[in-house]
C-alpha atoms as a PDB file:
ATOM      1  CA  MET A   1       0.064   0.014   0.031  1.00  0.00           C
ATOM      2  CA  ALA A   2       2.694   2.513   1.018  1.00  0.00           C
ATOM      3  CA  ASN A   3       4.325   2.176  -2.625  1.00  0.00           C
ATOM      4  CA  MET A   4       1.126   3.058  -4.184  1.00  0.00           C
ATOM      5  CA  VAL A   5       0.662   6.026  -1.928  1.00  0.00           C
ATOM      6  CA  ASN A   6       4.102   7.214  -2.861  1.00  0.00           C
ATOM      7  CA  VAL A   7       3.321   6.640  -6.575  1.00  0.00           C
ATOM      8  CA  LEU A   8       0.188   8.613  -6.570  1.00  0.00           C
ATOM      9  CA  ASN A   9       1.854  11.617  -4.690  1.00  0.00           C
ATOM     10  CA  ALA A  10       4.949  11.315  -6.964  1.00  0.00           C
ATOM     11  CA  ILE A  11       2.604  11.793  -9.907  1.00  0.00           C
ATOM     12  CA  LEU A  12       0.877  14.524  -8.131  1.00  0.00           C
ATOM     13  CA  ALA A  13       4.169  16.465  -7.287  1.00  0.00           C
ATOM     14  CA  ASN A  14       5.039  16.387 -10.852  1.00  0.00           C
ATOM     15  CA  ALA A  15       1.775  17.114 -12.560  1.00  0.00           C
ATOM     16  CA  SER A  16       0.145  19.994 -14.088  1.00  0.00           C
ATOM     17  CA  THR A  17      -1.583  22.812 -12.083  1.00  0.00           C
ATOM     18  CA  GLU A  18      -4.878  21.658 -13.202  1.00  0.00           C
ATOM     19  CA  TYR A  19      -4.170  18.212 -11.907  1.00  0.00           C
ATOM     20  CA  GLN A  20      -2.814  19.391  -8.686  1.00  0.00           C
ATOM     21  CA  THR A  21      -6.074  21.422  -8.089  1.00  0.00           C
ATOM     22  CA  ARG A  22      -8.317  18.761  -8.737  1.00  0.00           C
ATOM     23  CA  VAL A  23      -6.565  15.598  -7.166  1.00  0.00           C
ATOM     24  CA  PRO A  24      -5.945  15.462  -3.476  1.00  0.00           C
ATOM     25  CA  THR A  25      -2.759  14.131  -1.679  1.00  0.00           C
ATOM     26  CA  ALA A  26      -3.080  10.291  -1.299  1.00  0.00           C
ATOM     27  CA  THR A  27      -3.304   8.704   2.067  1.00  0.00           C
ATOM     28  CA  GLN A  28      -3.738   5.379   3.279  1.00  0.00           C
ATOM     29  CA  ASN A  29      -7.748   5.902   3.608  1.00  0.00           C
ATOM     30  CA  ASN A  30      -8.708   8.073   0.601  1.00  0.00           C
ATOM     31  CA  ILE A  31      -7.977   5.766  -2.448  1.00  0.00           C
ATOM     32  CA  THR A  32     -11.659   6.302  -3.564  1.00  0.00           C
ATOM     33  CA  GLU A  33     -11.479  10.066  -3.275  1.00  0.00           C
ATOM     34  CA  VAL A  34      -8.285  10.151  -5.327  1.00  0.00           C
ATOM     35  CA  GLY A  35      -9.730   7.798  -7.960  1.00  0.00           C
ATOM     36  CA  SER A  36     -12.778   9.844  -8.246  1.00  0.00           C
ATOM     37  CA  ALA A  37     -10.916  13.061  -8.779  1.00  0.00           C
ATOM     38  CA  ILE A  38      -8.566  11.400 -11.355  1.00  0.00           C
ATOM     39  CA  MET A  39     -11.424   9.852 -13.329  1.00  0.00           C
ATOM     40  CA  SER A  40     -13.629  13.021 -13.260  1.00  0.00           C
ATOM     41  CA  MET A  41     -12.120  14.475 -16.349  1.00  0.00           C
ATOM     42  CA  LYS A  42     -10.329  13.016 -19.456  1.00  0.00           C
ATOM     43  CA  THR A  43      -7.379  15.349 -19.068  1.00  0.00           C
ATOM     44  CA  THR A  44      -6.590  14.268 -15.459  1.00  0.00           C
ATOM     45  CA  GLN A  45      -7.108  10.648 -16.382  1.00  0.00           C
ATOM     46  CA  ASN A  46      -4.760  10.851 -19.380  1.00  0.00           C
ATOM     47  CA  GLU A  47      -2.124  12.630 -17.296  1.00  0.00           C
ATOM     48  CA  PHE A  48      -2.234  10.217 -14.619  1.00  0.00           C
ATOM     49  CA  LEU A  49      -1.948   7.069 -17.001  1.00  0.00           C
ATOM     50  CA  SER A  50       0.836   8.871 -18.971  1.00  0.00           C
ATOM     51  CA  ALA A  51       2.774   9.612 -15.768  1.00  0.00           C
ATOM     52  CA  LEU A  52       2.058   6.088 -14.476  1.00  0.00           C
ATOM     53  CA  VAL A  53       3.563   4.287 -17.331  1.00  0.00           C
ATOM     54  CA  ASN A  54       6.323   6.646 -18.543  1.00  0.00           C
ATOM     55  CA  LYS A  55       7.676   8.048 -15.357  1.00  0.00           C
ATOM     56  CA  ILE A  56       6.768   5.932 -12.457  1.00  0.00           C
ATOM     57  CA  ALA A  57       6.227   2.210 -13.382  1.00  0.00           C
ATOM     58  CA  MET A  58       9.774   1.208 -14.135  1.00  0.00           C
ATOM     59  CA  THR A  59      11.164   2.826 -10.891  1.00  0.00           C
ATOM     60  CA  ILE A  60       8.528   1.397  -8.581  1.00  0.00           C
ATOM     61  CA  VAL A  61       8.005  -2.169  -9.703  1.00  0.00           C
ATOM     62  CA  HIS A  62      11.128  -2.925 -11.873  1.00  0.00           C
ATOM     63  CA  ASN A  63      12.027  -5.806  -9.609  1.00  0.00           C
ATOM     64  CA  LYS A  64       8.823  -7.486 -10.581  1.00  0.00           C
ATOM     65  CA  THR A  65       9.590  -7.665 -14.186  1.00  0.00           C
ATOM     66  CA  PHE A  66      11.735 -10.349 -16.004  1.00  0.00           C
ATOM     67  CA  THR A  67      15.210  -9.082 -16.166  1.00  0.00           C
ATOM     68  CA  ASN A  68      17.718 -10.021 -18.831  1.00  0.00           C
ATOM     69  CA  PRO A  69      20.518 -11.817 -17.040  1.00  0.00           C
ATOM     70  CA  LEU A  70      22.930 -10.886 -19.747  1.00  0.00           C
ATOM     71  CA  SER A  71      22.010  -7.179 -19.731  1.00  0.00           C
ATOM     72  CA  VAL A  72      25.212  -6.261 -17.870  1.00  0.00           C
ATOM     73  CA  LEU A  73      27.010  -6.961 -20.961  1.00  0.00           C
ATOM     74  CA  LYS A  74      25.257  -4.034 -22.860  1.00  0.00           C
ATOM     75  CA  LYS A  75      27.273  -1.058 -23.743  1.00  0.00           C
ATOM     76  CA  GLY A  76      24.714   1.731 -23.026  1.00  0.00           C
ATOM     77  CA  SER A  77      22.953   4.172 -25.405  1.00  0.00           C
ATOM     78  CA  VAL A  78      23.964   5.749 -28.695  1.00  0.00           C
ATOM     79  CA  PRO A  79      22.463   8.616 -30.704  1.00  0.00           C
ATOM     80  CA  LEU A  80      19.444   7.452 -32.896  1.00  0.00           C
ATOM     81  CA  GLY A  81      20.444   6.657 -36.483  1.00  0.00           C
ATOM     82  CA  LYS A  82      24.316   6.524 -35.762  1.00  0.00           C
ATOM     83  CA  ASN A  83      26.526   3.735 -36.815  1.00  0.00           C
ATOM     84  CA  ILE A  84      29.137   2.707 -34.285  1.00  0.00           C
ATOM     85  CA  GLU A  85      32.865   2.888 -35.348  1.00  0.00           C
ATOM     86  CA  GLU A  86      35.062   0.710 -33.297  1.00  0.00           C
ATOM     87  CA  ILE A  87      38.922   1.446 -33.969  1.00  0.00           C
ATOM     88  CA  MET A  88      41.943  -0.272 -32.813  1.00  0.00           C
ATOM     89  CA  THR A  89      45.617   0.059 -33.633  1.00  0.00           C
ATOM     90  CA  ASN A  90      48.105  -2.757 -33.452  1.00  0.00           C
ATOM     91  CA  PRO A  91      51.332  -2.386 -31.471  1.00  0.00           C
ATOM     92  CA  VAL A  92      54.187  -0.665 -33.572  1.00  0.00           C
ATOM     93  CA  THR A  93      56.791  -3.180 -34.827  1.00  0.00           C
ATOM     94  CA  GLY A  94      60.111  -2.352 -33.616  1.00  0.00           C
ATOM     95  CA  THR A  95      63.247  -1.678 -35.721  1.00  0.00           C
ATOM     96  CA  THR A  96      66.924  -1.729 -35.220  1.00  0.00           C
ATOM     97  CA  TYR A  97      68.657   1.576 -34.130  1.00  0.00           C
ATOM     98  CA  ASP A  98      70.320   3.256 -37.119  1.00  0.00           C
ATOM     99  CA  PRO A  99      72.956   5.862 -35.963  1.00  0.00           C
ATOM    100  CA  THR A 100      72.918   7.612 -39.377  1.00  0.00           C
ATOM    101  CA  GLY A 101      69.267   8.639 -38.856  1.00  0.00           C
ATOM    102  CA  ALA A 102      68.583   7.841 -42.347  1.00  0.00           C
ATOM    103  CA  ASP A 103      64.911   6.866 -41.704  1.00  0.00           C
ATOM    104  CA  LEU A 104      64.223  10.007 -39.780  1.00  0.00           C
ATOM    105  CA  LEU A 105      61.782  11.428 -42.360  1.00  0.00           C
ATOM    106  CA  ALA A 106      60.364   8.133 -43.606  1.00  0.00           C
ATOM    107  CA  ARG A 107      56.603   7.469 -42.823  1.00  0.00           C
ATOM    108  CA  ALA A 108      55.563   4.802 -40.398  1.00  0.00           C
ATOM    109  CA  ILE A 109      51.836   4.488 -40.819  1.00  0.00           C
ATOM    110  CA  PRO A 110      50.129   2.842 -37.940  1.00  0.00           C
ATOM    111  CA  ASP A 111      48.346  -0.497 -38.581  1.00  0.00           C
ATOM    112  CA  THR A 112      44.843   0.903 -37.633  1.00  0.00           C
ATOM    113  CA  LYS A 113      41.643  -1.206 -38.154  1.00  0.00           C
ATOM    114  CA  ALA A 114      38.088  -0.265 -38.025  1.00  0.00           C
ATOM    115  CA  ILE A 115      34.778  -2.228 -37.757  1.00  0.00           C
ATOM    116  CA  TYR A 116      31.187  -0.832 -37.891  1.00  0.00           C
ATOM    117  CA  HIS A 117      28.079  -1.718 -35.808  1.00  0.00           C
ATOM    118  CA  THR A 118      24.648  -0.963 -37.113  1.00  0.00           C
ATOM    119  CA  MET A 119      21.137  -0.766 -35.515  1.00  0.00           C
ATOM    120  CA  ASN A 120      19.278  -4.041 -36.341  1.00  0.00           C
ATOM    121  CA  ARG A 121      16.485  -4.261 -33.886  1.00  0.00           C
ATOM    122  CA  GLN A 122      13.165  -2.174 -33.798  1.00  0.00           C
ATOM    123  CA  GLY A 123      11.069  -3.860 -31.252  1.00  0.00           C
ATOM    124  CA  LYS A 124       7.387  -2.655 -30.429  1.00  0.00           C
ATOM    125  CA  TYR A 125       5.465  -3.706 -27.228  1.00  0.00           C
ATOM    126  CA  LYS A 126       1.706  -2.660 -26.766  1.00  0.00           C
ATOM    127  CA  ALA A 127      -0.649  -2.900 -23.767  1.00  0.00           C
ATOM    128  CA  THR A 128      -4.199  -1.619 -23.542  1.00  0.00           C
ATOM    129  CA  VAL A 129      -5.832   0.053 -20.441  1.00  0.00           C
ATOM    130  CA  SER A 130      -9.534   0.558 -20.508  1.00  0.00           C
ATOM    131  CA  LYS A 131     -11.530   3.028 -18.452  1.00  0.00           C
ATOM    132  CA  ALA A 132     -13.490   0.217 -16.854  1.00  0.00           C
ATOM    133  CA  GLN A 133     -10.114  -1.175 -15.600  1.00  0.00           C
ATOM    134  CA  LEU A 134      -9.299   2.156 -14.140  1.00  0.00           C
ATOM    135  CA  PHE A 135     -12.679   2.349 -12.338  1.00  0.00           C
ATOM    136  CA  THR A 136     -12.156  -1.124 -10.778  1.00  0.00           C
ATOM    137  CA  ALA A 137      -8.641  -0.307  -9.857  1.00  0.00           C
ATOM    138  CA  PHE A 138      -9.453   2.722  -7.733  1.00  0.00           C
ATOM    139  CA  GLN A 139     -11.458   0.577  -5.404  1.00  0.00           C
ATOM    140  CA  SER A 140      -8.302  -0.341  -3.342  1.00  0.00           C
ATOM    141  CA  TYR A 141      -4.644   0.249  -3.403  1.00  0.00           C
ATOM    142  CA  THR A 142      -4.080  -3.529  -3.982  1.00  0.00           C
ATOM    143  CA  ALA A 143      -6.228  -3.234  -7.028  1.00  0.00           C
ATOM    144  CA  LEU A 144      -4.395  -0.232  -8.399  1.00  0.00           C
ATOM    145  CA  GLU A 145      -0.930  -2.043  -7.793  1.00  0.00           C
ATOM    146  CA  ASP A 146      -2.282  -5.035  -9.786  1.00  0.00           C
ATOM    147  CA  LEU A 147      -3.149  -2.748 -12.594  1.00  0.00           C
ATOM    148  CA  LEU A 148       0.350  -1.254 -12.490  1.00  0.00           C
ATOM    149  CA  ASN A 149       2.038  -4.505 -12.379  1.00  0.00           C
ATOM    150  CA  SER A 150       0.011  -5.914 -15.367  1.00  0.00           C
ATOM    151  CA  ILE A 151       1.038  -2.849 -17.458  1.00  0.00           C
ATOM    152  CA  VAL A 152       4.824  -2.997 -16.386  1.00  0.00           C
ATOM    153  CA  ASN A 153       5.048  -6.747 -16.626  1.00  0.00           C
ATOM    154  CA  SER A 154       3.271  -7.032 -20.035  1.00  0.00           C
ATOM    155  CA  ILE A 155       5.434  -4.410 -21.728  1.00  0.00           C
ATOM    156  CA  TYR A 156       8.857  -4.446 -20.049  1.00  0.00           C
ATOM    157  CA  SER A 157       8.942  -8.162 -19.367  1.00  0.00           C
ATOM    158  CA  GLY A 158       8.223  -8.830 -23.109  1.00  0.00           C
ATOM    159  CA  ASP A 159      10.944  -6.481 -24.116  1.00  0.00           C
ATOM    160  CA  ASN A 160      13.482  -7.869 -21.683  1.00  0.00           C
ATOM    161  CA  LEU A 161      12.616 -11.414 -22.620  1.00  0.00           C
ATOM    162  CA  ASP A 162      13.197 -10.710 -26.386  1.00  0.00           C
ATOM    163  CA  GLU A 163      16.519  -8.855 -25.556  1.00  0.00           C
ATOM    164  CA  PHE A 164      17.757 -12.047 -23.738  1.00  0.00           C
ATOM    165  CA  ILE A 165      16.753 -14.273 -26.639  1.00  0.00           C
ATOM    166  CA  LEU A 166      18.391 -11.904 -29.107  1.00  0.00           C
ATOM    167  CA  MET A 167      21.527 -11.701 -27.021  1.00  0.00           C
ATOM    168  CA  LYS A 168      21.667 -15.687 -26.891  1.00  0.00           C
ATOM    169  CA  ASN A 169      21.256 -15.834 -30.741  1.00  0.00           C
ATOM    170  CA  LEU A 170      24.078 -13.318 -31.071  1.00  0.00           C
ATOM    171  CA  PHE A 171      26.373 -16.001 -29.267  1.00  0.00           C
ATOM    172  CA  ALA A 172      24.957 -18.870 -31.518  1.00  0.00           C
ATOM    173  CA  SER A 173      25.546 -16.734 -34.666  1.00  0.00           C
ATOM    174  CA  ALA A 174      29.107 -15.925 -33.551  1.00  0.00           C
ATOM    175  CA  ILE A 175      29.825 -19.648 -33.150  1.00  0.00           C
ATOM    176  CA  ALA A 176      28.217 -20.763 -36.418  1.00  0.00           C
ATOM    177  CA  GLY A 177      29.763 -17.781 -38.403  1.00  0.00           C
ATOM    178  CA  GLY A 178      33.335 -18.197 -37.161  1.00  0.00           C
ATOM    179  CA  LYS A 179      33.248 -15.003 -35.230  1.00  0.00           C
ATOM    180  CA  VAL A 180      34.399 -16.590 -32.011  1.00  0.00           C
ATOM    181  CA  LYS A 181      37.249 -19.126 -31.492  1.00  0.00           C
ATOM    182  CA  LYS A 182      36.132 -22.657 -30.559  1.00  0.00           C
ATOM    183  CA  ILE A 183      37.825 -25.106 -28.388  1.00  0.00           C
ATOM    184  CA  GLU A 184      36.717 -28.730 -27.991  1.00  0.00           C
ATOM    185  CA  VAL A 185      36.038 -29.975 -24.549  1.00  0.00           C
ATOM    186  CA  SER A 186      34.232 -33.185 -23.210  1.00  0.00           C
ATOM    187  CA  GLU A 187      30.783 -33.365 -21.719  1.00  0.00           C
ATOM    188  CA  ILE A 188      30.950 -32.995 -17.887  1.00  0.00           C
ATOM    189  CA  THR A 189      29.859 -36.465 -16.540  1.00  0.00           C
ATOM    190  CA  ASP A 190      31.968 -36.778 -13.304  1.00  0.00           C
ATOM    191  CA  LYS A 191      34.461 -35.020 -11.153  1.00  0.00           C
ATOM    192  CA  ASP A 192      37.425 -35.619 -13.625  1.00  0.00           C
ATOM    193  CA  THR A 193      35.743 -34.243 -16.722  1.00  0.00           C
ATOM    194  CA  ALA A 194      34.598 -31.219 -14.743  1.00  0.00           C
ATOM    195  CA  LYS A 195      38.369 -30.583 -13.694  1.00  0.00           C
ATOM    196  CA  ASP A 196      39.372 -30.962 -17.218  1.00  0.00           C
ATOM    197  CA  PHE A 197      36.780 -28.278 -18.279  1.00  0.00           C
ATOM    198  CA  VAL A 198      38.047 -25.817 -15.585  1.00  0.00           C
ATOM    199  CA  LYS A 199      41.645 -26.654 -16.546  1.00  0.00           C
ATOM    200  CA  ALA A 200      40.639 -25.713 -20.247  1.00  0.00           C
ATOM    201  CA  VAL A 201      39.050 -22.427 -19.146  1.00  0.00           C
ATOM    202  CA  ARG A 202      42.124 -21.543 -16.988  1.00  0.00           C
ATOM    203  CA  ILE A 203      44.627 -22.211 -19.748  1.00  0.00           C
ATOM    204  CA  VAL A 204      42.632 -19.852 -22.137  1.00  0.00           C
ATOM    205  CA  GLY A 205      42.030 -17.314 -19.468  1.00  0.00           C
ATOM    206  CA  GLN A 206      45.688 -16.963 -18.477  1.00  0.00           C
ATOM    207  CA  ASP A 207      46.906 -17.115 -22.170  1.00  0.00           C
ATOM    208  CA  MET A 208      44.265 -14.160 -23.016  1.00  0.00           C
ATOM    209  CA  ALA A 209      46.419 -11.903 -20.824  1.00  0.00           C
ATOM    210  CA  PHE A 210      49.279 -12.030 -23.218  1.00  0.00           C
ATOM    211  CA  PRO A 211      49.293 -10.081 -26.474  1.00  0.00           C
ATOM    212  CA  SER A 212      48.475 -12.328 -29.529  1.00  0.00           C
ATOM    213  CA  ASP A 213      45.966 -12.874 -32.356  1.00  0.00           C
ATOM    214  CA  LYS A 214      45.189 -16.315 -31.040  1.00  0.00           C
ATOM    215  CA  TYR A 215      41.745 -15.629 -29.546  1.00  0.00           C
ATOM    216  CA  ASN A 216      40.161 -12.886 -31.611  1.00  0.00           C
ATOM    217  CA  SER A 217      38.458 -13.613 -35.053  1.00  0.00           C
ATOM    218  CA  TYR A 218      39.372 -10.408 -36.892  1.00  0.00           C
ATOM    219  CA  TYR A 219      41.738 -12.024 -39.218  1.00  0.00           C
ATOM    220  CA  ASP A 220      39.468 -15.059 -39.869  1.00  0.00           C
ATOM    221  CA  ILE A 221      36.629 -12.700 -41.070  1.00  0.00           C
ATOM    222  CA  ASN A 222      38.758  -9.921 -42.879  1.00  0.00           C
ATOM    223  CA  LYS A 223      41.906 -11.824 -44.258  1.00  0.00           C
ATOM    224  CA  ALA A 224      40.671 -11.261 -47.795  1.00  0.00           C
ATOM    225  CA  THR A 225      40.896  -7.408 -47.291  1.00  0.00           C
ATOM    226  CA  ASP A 226      43.359  -7.052 -44.476  1.00  0.00           C
ATOM    227  CA  PRO A 227      46.353  -9.410 -44.463  1.00  0.00           C
ATOM    228  CA  LYS A 228      47.469  -8.368 -40.840  1.00  0.00           C
ATOM    229  CA  PRO A 229      45.767  -9.914 -37.691  1.00  0.00           C
ATOM    230  CA  ALA A 230      44.604  -7.999 -34.716  1.00  0.00           C
ATOM    231  CA  ILE A 231      46.960  -8.154 -31.766  1.00  0.00           C
ATOM    232  CA  THR A 232      45.123  -7.764 -28.488  1.00  0.00           C
ATOM    233  CA  TRP A 233      45.170  -9.040 -24.880  1.00  0.00           C
ATOM    234  CA  THR A 234      42.599  -9.151 -22.131  1.00  0.00           C
ATOM    235  CA  PRO A 235      43.711  -8.774 -18.341  1.00  0.00           C
ATOM    236  CA  ILE A 236      42.065 -11.370 -16.135  1.00  0.00           C
ATOM    237  CA  GLU A 237      39.951  -8.616 -14.560  1.00  0.00           C
ATOM    238  CA  ASP A 238      38.422  -7.699 -17.955  1.00  0.00           C
ATOM    239  CA  GLN A 239      37.298 -11.272 -18.667  1.00  0.00           C
ATOM    240  CA  VAL A 240      33.783 -12.496 -18.493  1.00  0.00           C
ATOM    241  CA  LEU A 241      32.866 -16.159 -18.182  1.00  0.00           C
ATOM    242  CA  ILE A 242      29.234 -17.169 -19.434  1.00  0.00           C
ATOM    243  CA  LEU A 243      28.252 -20.597 -18.433  1.00  0.00           C
ATOM    244  CA  ARG A 244      25.193 -22.795 -19.428  1.00  0.00           C
ATOM    245  CA  ASN A 245      23.111 -23.340 -16.342  1.00  0.00           C
ATOM    246  CA  ASP A 246      23.526 -27.224 -16.257  1.00  0.00           C
ATOM    247  CA  VAL A 247      27.377 -26.705 -16.612  1.00  0.00           C
ATOM    248  CA  SER A 248      27.701 -24.174 -13.721  1.00  0.00           C
ATOM    249  CA  VAL A 249      25.759 -26.736 -11.502  1.00  0.00           C
ATOM    250  CA  ASP A 250      28.434 -29.438 -12.253  1.00  0.00           C
ATOM    251  CA  VAL A 251      31.513 -27.250 -12.038  1.00  0.00           C
ATOM    252  CA  ASP A 252      33.041 -26.965  -8.602  1.00  0.00           C
ATOM    253  CA  VAL A 253      32.856 -23.096  -7.877  1.00  0.00           C
ATOM    254  CA  GLU A 254      35.970 -23.146  -5.562  1.00  0.00           C
ATOM    255  CA  LEU A 255      37.934 -24.981  -8.177  1.00  0.00           C
ATOM    256  CA  LEU A 256      36.868 -22.278 -10.790  1.00  0.00           C
ATOM    257  CA  ALA A 257      37.740 -19.459  -8.394  1.00  0.00           C
ATOM    258  CA  ASN A 258      41.189 -20.951  -7.802  1.00  0.00           C
ATOM    259  CA  ALA A 259      41.564 -21.325 -11.548  1.00  0.00           C
ATOM    260  CA  PHE A 260      41.351 -17.534 -11.979  1.00  0.00           C
ATOM    261  CA  ASN A 261      43.097 -16.938  -8.737  1.00  0.00           C
ATOM    262  CA  VAL A 262      40.195 -14.896  -7.442  1.00  0.00           C
ATOM    263  CA  SER A 263      37.734 -15.047  -4.428  1.00  0.00           C
ATOM    264  CA  TYR A 264      34.409 -16.681  -4.825  1.00  0.00           C
ATOM    265  CA  THR A 265      32.716 -13.260  -4.656  1.00  0.00           C
ATOM    266  CA  ASP A 266      34.936 -11.928  -7.397  1.00  0.00           C
ATOM    267  CA  LEU A 267      34.202 -14.877  -9.446  1.00  0.00           C
ATOM    268  CA  LYS A 268      30.377 -14.243  -9.057  1.00  0.00           C
ATOM    269  CA  GLN A 269      30.860 -10.801 -10.469  1.00  0.00           C
ATOM    270  CA  ARG A 270      32.754 -12.090 -13.543  1.00  0.00           C
ATOM    271  CA  THR A 271      30.446 -15.087 -14.241  1.00  0.00           C
ATOM    272  CA  LEU A 272      27.087 -15.085 -15.937  1.00  0.00           C
ATOM    273  CA  ILE A 273      24.540 -17.915 -16.355  1.00  0.00           C
ATOM    274  CA  THR A 274      22.332 -18.497 -19.310  1.00  0.00           C
ATOM    275  CA  ASP A 275      19.825 -21.408 -20.005  1.00  0.00           C
ATOM    276  CA  THR A 276      21.154 -21.791 -23.441  1.00  0.00           C
ATOM    277  CA  PHE A 277      23.430 -20.294 -26.051  1.00  0.00           C
ATOM    278  CA  GLY A 278      20.592 -20.181 -28.417  1.00  0.00           C
ATOM    279  CA  THR A 279      20.792 -22.877 -31.393  1.00  0.00           C
ATOM    280  CA  ALA A 280      24.264 -23.440 -30.299  1.00  0.00           C
ATOM    281  CA  THR A 281      23.289 -26.585 -28.293  1.00  0.00           C
ATOM    282  CA  ASN A 282      26.843 -27.872 -27.825  1.00  0.00           C
ATOM    283  CA  CYS A 283      28.296 -24.731 -26.266  1.00  0.00           C
ATOM    284  CA  MET A 284      29.027 -25.171 -22.725  1.00  0.00           C
ATOM    285  CA  GLY A 285      30.413 -21.790 -22.084  1.00  0.00           C
ATOM    286  CA  ILE A 286      32.148 -18.519 -23.442  1.00  0.00           C
ATOM    287  CA  LEU A 287      35.075 -16.771 -21.995  1.00  0.00           C
ATOM    288  CA  CYS A 288      35.439 -13.414 -23.557  1.00  0.00           C
ATOM    289  CA  ASP A 289      36.750  -9.935 -23.220  1.00  0.00           C
ATOM    290  CA  LYS A 290      33.895  -7.893 -21.782  1.00  0.00           C
ATOM    291  CA  SER A 291      34.117  -5.601 -24.878  1.00  0.00           C
ATOM    292  CA  PHE A 292      33.230  -8.573 -27.020  1.00  0.00           C
ATOM    293  CA  ILE A 293      29.533  -7.959 -26.901  1.00  0.00           C
ATOM    294  CA  ARG A 294      28.288  -4.910 -28.484  1.00  0.00           C
ATOM    295  CA  VAL A 295      24.687  -4.349 -27.621  1.00  0.00           C
ATOM    296  CA  TYR A 296      23.564  -0.687 -27.473  1.00  0.00           C
ATOM    297  CA  ASP A 297      20.212   1.031 -26.991  1.00  0.00           C
ATOM    298  CA  ASN A 298      19.396   3.338 -29.908  1.00  0.00           C
ATOM    299  CA  LEU A 299      15.973   4.337 -28.774  1.00  0.00           C
ATOM    300  CA  MET A 300      13.659   3.490 -25.736  1.00  0.00           C
ATOM    301  CA  GLN A 301      10.350   5.509 -25.899  1.00  0.00           C
ATOM    302  CA  MET A 302       6.811   5.086 -24.690  1.00  0.00           C
ATOM    303  CA  GLU A 303       3.973   6.456 -26.777  1.00  0.00           C
ATOM    304  CA  ASP A 304       0.184   6.483 -25.819  1.00  0.00           C
ATOM    305  CA  PHE A 305      -2.929   6.841 -27.841  1.00  0.00           C
ATOM    306  CA  HIS A 306      -6.350   7.417 -26.480  1.00  0.00           C
ATOM    307  CA  ASN A 307      -9.356   5.876 -28.189  1.00  0.00           C
ATOM    308  CA  GLY A 308     -12.352   7.877 -27.456  1.00  0.00           C
ATOM    309  CA  GLU A 309     -14.828   5.676 -29.052  1.00  0.00           C
ATOM    310  CA  GLY A 310     -13.667   2.554 -27.245  1.00  0.00           C
ATOM    311  CA  LEU A 311     -12.748   4.265 -23.991  1.00  0.00           C
ATOM    312  CA  TYR A 312      -9.196   2.876 -23.832  1.00  0.00           C
ATOM    313  CA  ASP A 313      -5.620   3.820 -23.958  1.00  0.00           C
ATOM    314  CA  ASN A 314      -2.779   2.049 -25.961  1.00  0.00           C
ATOM    315  CA  TYR A 315       0.624   2.325 -24.557  1.00  0.00           C
ATOM    316  CA  ILE A 316       3.370   1.304 -26.932  1.00  0.00           C
ATOM    317  CA  LEU A 317       7.044   0.863 -26.054  1.00  0.00           C
ATOM    318  CA  HIS A 318       9.438   1.161 -28.879  1.00  0.00           C
ATOM    319  CA  HIS A 319      12.883  -0.264 -28.147  1.00  0.00           C
ATOM    320  CA  TRP A 320      15.606   0.083 -31.062  1.00  0.00           C
ATOM    321  CA  GLN A 321      18.975  -1.620 -30.551  1.00  0.00           C
ATOM    322  CA  THR A 322      22.315  -2.473 -32.211  1.00  0.00           C
ATOM    323  CA  TYR A 323      23.282  -6.107 -31.744  1.00  0.00           C
ATOM    324  CA  SER A 324      26.931  -6.735 -32.792  1.00  0.00           C
ATOM    325  CA  LEU A 325      30.263  -8.334 -31.916  1.00  0.00           C
ATOM    326  CA  SER A 326      33.812  -6.915 -31.611  1.00  0.00           C
ATOM    327  CA  LEU A 327      36.053  -9.064 -33.831  1.00  0.00           C
ATOM    328  CA  PHE A 328      39.032  -7.216 -32.101  1.00  0.00           C
ATOM    329  CA  ALA A 329      38.068  -8.740 -28.622  1.00  0.00           C
ATOM    330  CA  ASN A 330      39.353 -11.981 -27.447  1.00  0.00           C
ATOM    331  CA  ALA A 331      36.414 -14.674 -27.368  1.00  0.00           C
ATOM    332  CA  VAL A 332      36.472 -18.492 -26.901  1.00  0.00           C
ATOM    333  CA  ALA A 333      33.519 -20.784 -26.895  1.00  0.00           C
ATOM    334  CA  PHE A 334      34.046 -24.140 -25.363  1.00  0.00           C
ATOM    335  CA  VAL A 335      32.007 -26.729 -27.352  1.00  0.00           C
ATOM    336  CA  THR A 336      31.602 -30.418 -27.210  1.00  0.00           C
ATOM    337  CA  PRO A 337      32.579 -32.716 -30.035  1.00  0.00           C
ATOM    338  CA  GLY A 338      30.412 -32.223 -33.156  1.00  0.00           C
ATOM    339  CA  ASP A 339      30.396 -28.548 -32.985  1.00  0.00           C
ATOM    340  CA  VAL A 340      33.743 -27.868 -34.077  1.00  0.00           C
ATOM    341  CA  THR A 341      34.307 -27.370 -37.873  1.00  0.00           C
ATOM    342  CA  PRO A 342      37.055 -29.609 -39.355  1.00  0.00           C
ATOM    343  CA  GLY A 343      40.320 -28.026 -39.462  1.00  0.00           C
ATOM    344  CA  GLU A 344      39.796 -25.589 -36.745  1.00  0.00           C
END
């Protein structure tokens, strides 16, 4: 109840003068009075609903919606309509000292590479709220909270679920398209195979910390146009381990923490769990630089439309995003036999 009182008063505090004049401050005992004032005019009703969905809902009941467990890998927002350019420059190759200084004026052009990420998702999510629902909701704070939850859950949970699925499909397309290195490991069937898996992850993780082109796929994808590979490295603290849920259950957490020479708490912060890797059913886990995933929000906007004939309001969330991968970044998929292309 306290939450809904706060919601109503937060809307009131930021509302128009007309709304503030007509609608009283909410208390624990005057829900019917507040509801009658809001419903008395179309302008106050529309202002209430707009504020409820646009400004309050995500803040108040965000913990009740489905949350994408991979969302921490997202890279924030970018201006609408902009392509994202990612640039890296290889380390300069050293030469032998020449006391004559003959090469003083010679050009040494850096080996700079660029890749581009383009917006490729335009999601839309709609929920309808009728005047009849509002009349019923204002009978109690519980009913009003139920209405709020239904709006938030239907819109934002749908969006977050699709985002989660799309990110898993991004991993699957990377594995199928050769945009991530693959290492074959055995299925975990006992303690020995679990230790073997942890050992494989540990070897790759420690190896990634040294400069090389061994664990990024830039050359594999671009060798026809760029004969020079990308040299990069990933410190242990910048590595993220994404595990399939059943694999995470079978792996000894303490053993895994020791493999990375970190505490259990630190390991939890660097480990993400997913139910699947999309269609890549033989993928057990991915160890990557946290810059490998390039998911950006281009547009997150709620629109509303009132249908006077039907006495209902439609609320439409638009979510446009960029889903891409950095071929400069280190990334390795640990796959079981049958998922490795011959010759890799």
